[in-house]
Amino acid sequence: MAYIITGGCGFLGSNLAKHLLLKGHQVTLFDNLSRKGSRENL
C-alpha cells in the first residue's frame, strides 16, 4: 500500500514513516522543513 504523510519530518510523521517502511509499504513525505531539526529526520 502507498501512503502520503504530511509533516513527515516531525516526531510523529518520521516514526510513522519508519514503521510503514519496515512493513514494506511505499511512503511519500511532505514537510516544509521550517522546524529546527527537521532535515535530520529525513
PDB file of N, CA and C in Angstrom:
ATOM      1  N   MET A   1       0.847  -1.171   0.000  1.00  0.00           N
ATOM      2  CA  MET A   1       0.000   0.000   0.000  1.00  0.00           C
ATOM      3  C   MET A   1       0.896   1.239   0.000  1.00  0.00           C
ATOM      4  N   ALA A   2       0.410   2.319  -0.550  1.00  0.00           N
ATOM      5  CA  ALA A   2       1.156   3.579  -0.606  1.00  0.00           C
ATOM      6  C   ALA A   2       0.517   4.596   0.331  1.00  0.00           C
ATOM      7  N   TYR A   3       1.367   5.357   1.010  1.00  0.00           N
ATOM      8  CA  TYR A   3       0.912   6.362   1.970  1.00  0.00           C
ATOM      9  C   TYR A   3       1.567   7.700   1.674  1.00  0.00           C
ATOM     10  N   ILE A   4       0.843   8.780   1.919  1.00  0.00           N
ATOM     11  CA  ILE A   4       1.380  10.143   1.887  1.00  0.00           C
ATOM     12  C   ILE A   4       1.260  10.677   3.304  1.00  0.00           C
ATOM     13  N   ILE A   5       2.383  11.162   3.853  1.00  0.00           N
ATOM     14  CA  ILE A   5       2.396  11.678   5.219  1.00  0.00           C
ATOM     15  C   ILE A   5       2.757  13.151   5.178  1.00  0.00           C
ATOM     16  N   THR A   6       1.848  14.010   5.642  1.00  0.00           N
ATOM     17  CA  THR A   6       2.165  15.430   5.759  1.00  0.00           C
ATOM     18  C   THR A   6       2.810  15.655   7.121  1.00  0.00           C
ATOM     19  N   GLY A   7       3.787  16.548   7.164  1.00  0.00           N
ATOM     20  CA  GLY A   7       4.550  16.730   8.398  1.00  0.00           C
ATOM     21  C   GLY A   7       5.466  15.539   8.631  1.00  0.00           C
ATOM     22  N   GLY A   8       5.961  14.976   7.546  1.00  0.00           N
ATOM     23  CA  GLY A   8       6.734  13.744   7.610  1.00  0.00           C
ATOM     24  C   GLY A   8       8.078  13.835   8.302  1.00  0.00           C
ATOM     25  N   CYS A   9       8.579  15.026   8.554  1.00  0.00           N
ATOM     26  CA  CYS A   9       9.871  15.173   9.230  1.00  0.00           C
ATOM     27  C   CYS A   9       9.724  15.508  10.704  1.00  0.00           C
ATOM     28  N   GLY A  10       8.515  15.589  11.172  1.00  0.00           N
ATOM     29  CA  GLY A  10       8.290  15.805  12.601  1.00  0.00           C
ATOM     30  C   GLY A  10       8.387  14.489  13.361  1.00  0.00           C
ATOM     31  N   PHE A  11       8.172  14.542  14.664  1.00  0.00           N
ATOM     32  CA  PHE A  11       8.308  13.351  15.504  1.00  0.00           C
ATOM     33  C   PHE A  11       7.345  12.244  15.082  1.00  0.00           C
ATOM     34  N   LEU A  12       6.067  12.569  14.997  1.00  0.00           N
ATOM     35  CA  LEU A  12       5.072  11.545  14.651  1.00  0.00           C
ATOM     36  C   LEU A  12       5.226  11.063  13.215  1.00  0.00           C
ATOM     37  N   GLY A  13       5.384  12.018  12.297  1.00  0.00           N
ATOM     38  CA  GLY A  13       5.489  11.653  10.887  1.00  0.00           C
ATOM     39  C   GLY A  13       6.691  10.785  10.583  1.00  0.00           C
ATOM     40  N   SER A  14       7.843  11.119  11.146  1.00  0.00           N
ATOM     41  CA  SER A  14       9.053  10.339  10.864  1.00  0.00           C
ATOM     42  C   SER A  14       8.967   8.941  11.473  1.00  0.00           C
ATOM     43  N   ASN A  15       8.393   8.819  12.655  1.00  0.00           N
ATOM     44  CA  ASN A  15       8.255   7.493  13.269  1.00  0.00           C
ATOM     45  C   ASN A  15       7.214   6.640  12.552  1.00  0.00           C
ATOM     46  N   LEU A  16       6.133   7.264  12.112  1.00  0.00           N
ATOM     47  CA  LEU A  16       5.132   6.534  11.340  1.00  0.00           C
ATOM     48  C   LEU A  16       5.728   6.065  10.015  1.00  0.00           C
ATOM     49  N   ALA A  17       6.477   6.941   9.346  1.00  0.00           N
ATOM     50  CA  ALA A  17       7.106   6.579   8.076  1.00  0.00           C
ATOM     51  C   ALA A  17       8.061   5.402   8.260  1.00  0.00           C
ATOM     52  N   LYS A  18       8.865   5.442   9.298  1.00  0.00           N
ATOM     53  CA  LYS A  18       9.804   4.345   9.566  1.00  0.00           C
ATOM     54  C   LYS A  18       9.054   3.033   9.766  1.00  0.00           C
ATOM     55  N   HIS A  19       7.997   3.073  10.549  1.00  0.00           N
ATOM     56  CA  HIS A  19       7.194   1.875  10.808  1.00  0.00           C
ATOM     57  C   HIS A  19       6.609   1.317   9.507  1.00  0.00           C
ATOM     58  N   LEU A  20       6.028   2.196   8.694  1.00  0.00           N
ATOM     59  CA  LEU A  20       5.413   1.752   7.442  1.00  0.00           C
ATOM     60  C   LEU A  20       6.449   1.190   6.476  1.00  0.00           C
ATOM     61  N   LEU A  21       7.621   1.834   6.394  1.00  0.00           N
ATOM     62  CA  LEU A  21       8.679   1.343   5.512  1.00  0.00           C
ATOM     63  C   LEU A  21       9.166  -0.033   5.952  1.00  0.00           C
ATOM     64  N   LEU A  22       9.306  -0.237   7.247  1.00  0.00           N
ATOM     65  CA  LEU A  22       9.735  -1.546   7.752  1.00  0.00           C
ATOM     66  C   LEU A  22       8.711  -2.639   7.446  1.00  0.00           C
ATOM     67  N   LYS A  23       7.452  -2.245   7.299  1.00  0.00           N
ATOM     68  CA  LYS A  23       6.386  -3.194   6.949  1.00  0.00           C
ATOM     69  C   LYS A  23       6.283  -3.410   5.440  1.00  0.00           C
ATOM     70  N   GLY A  24       7.134  -2.706   4.654  1.00  0.00           N
ATOM     71  CA  GLY A  24       7.163  -2.903   3.212  1.00  0.00           C
ATOM     72  C   GLY A  24       6.259  -1.991   2.407  1.00  0.00           C
ATOM     73  N   HIS A  25       5.714  -0.958   3.022  1.00  0.00           N
ATOM     74  CA  HIS A  25       4.833  -0.031   2.319  1.00  0.00           C
ATOM     75  C   HIS A  25       5.643   1.062   1.620  1.00  0.00           C
ATOM     76  N   GLN A  26       5.034   1.680   0.627  1.00  0.00           N
ATOM     77  CA  GLN A  26       5.627   2.823  -0.065  1.00  0.00           C
ATOM     78  C   GLN A  26       5.183   4.090   0.655  1.00  0.00           C
ATOM     79  N   VAL A  27       6.141   4.990   0.951  1.00  0.00           N
ATOM     80  CA  VAL A  27       5.835   6.187   1.729  1.00  0.00           C
ATOM     81  C   VAL A  27       6.355   7.427   1.008  1.00  0.00           C
ATOM     82  N   THR A  28       5.514   8.453   0.918  1.00  0.00           N
ATOM     83  CA  THR A  28       5.901   9.765   0.407  1.00  0.00           C
ATOM     84  C   THR A  28       5.690  10.772   1.527  1.00  0.00           C
ATOM     85  N   LEU A  29       6.719  11.584   1.796  1.00  0.00           N
ATOM     86  CA  LEU A  29       6.646  12.576   2.868  1.00  0.00           C
ATOM     87  C   LEU A  29       6.537  13.982   2.297  1.00  0.00           C
ATOM     88  N   PHE A  30       5.745  14.814   2.951  1.00  0.00           N
ATOM     89  CA  PHE A  30       5.676  16.245   2.668  1.00  0.00           C
ATOM     90  C   PHE A  30       5.960  16.981   3.958  1.00  0.00           C
ATOM     91  N   ASP A  31       6.809  17.998   3.887  1.00  0.00           N
ATOM     92  CA  ASP A  31       7.114  18.807   5.061  1.00  0.00           C
ATOM     93  C   ASP A  31       7.722  20.113   4.571  1.00  0.00           C
ATOM     94  N   ASN A  32       7.459  21.215   5.277  1.00  0.00           N
ATOM     95  CA  ASN A  32       8.041  22.492   4.866  1.00  0.00           C
ATOM     96  C   ASN A  32       9.409  22.734   5.506  1.00  0.00           C
ATOM     97  N   LEU A  33       9.871  21.843   6.362  1.00  0.00           N
ATOM     98  CA  LEU A  33      11.202  21.884   6.984  1.00  0.00           C
ATOM     99  C   LEU A  33      11.460  23.167   7.761  1.00  0.00           C
ATOM    100  N   SER A  34      10.411  23.797   8.268  1.00  0.00           N
ATOM    101  CA  SER A  34      10.584  25.062   8.987  1.00  0.00           C
ATOM    102  C   SER A  34      11.019  24.860  10.437  1.00  0.00           C
ATOM    103  N   ARG A  35      10.796  23.686  10.979  1.00  0.00           N
ATOM    104  CA  ARG A  35      11.136  23.413  12.370  1.00  0.00           C
ATOM    105  C   ARG A  35      12.597  22.990  12.475  1.00  0.00           C
ATOM    106  N   LYS A  36      13.290  23.475  13.499  1.00  0.00           N
ATOM    107  CA  LYS A  36      14.688  23.115  13.697  1.00  0.00           C
ATOM    108  C   LYS A  36      14.793  21.601  13.898  1.00  0.00           C
ATOM    109  N   GLY A  37      15.740  20.988  13.212  1.00  0.00           N
ATOM    110  CA  GLY A  37      15.943  19.550  13.323  1.00  0.00           C
ATOM    111  C   GLY A  37      15.163  18.729  12.317  1.00  0.00           C
ATOM    112  N   SER A  38      14.330  19.369  11.510  1.00  0.00           N
ATOM    113  CA  SER A  38      13.515  18.630  10.542  1.00  0.00           C
ATOM    114  C   SER A  38      14.362  17.897   9.516  1.00  0.00           C
ATOM    115  N   ARG A  39      15.397  18.541   9.033  1.00  0.00           N
ATOM    116  CA  ARG A  39      16.227  17.921   7.994  1.00  0.00           C
ATOM    117  C   ARG A  39      16.912  16.652   8.493  1.00  0.00           C
ATOM    118  N   GLU A  40      17.227  16.592   9.774  1.00  0.00           N
ATOM    119  CA  GLU A  40      17.872  15.403  10.321  1.00  0.00           C
ATOM    120  C   GLU A  40      16.932  14.202  10.333  1.00  0.00           C
ATOM    121  N   ASN A  41      15.634  14.449  10.279  1.00  0.00           N
ATOM    122  CA  ASN A  41      14.653  13.361  10.296  1.00  0.00           C
ATOM    123  C   ASN A  41      14.350  12.807   8.911  1.00  0.00           C
ATOM    124  N   LEU A  42      14.963  13.354   7.869  1.00  0.00           N
ATOM    125  CA  LEU A  42      14.696  12.858   6.518  1.00  0.00           C
ATOM    126  C   LEU A  42      15.186  11.441   6.333  1.00  0.00           C
TER     127      LEU A  42
END
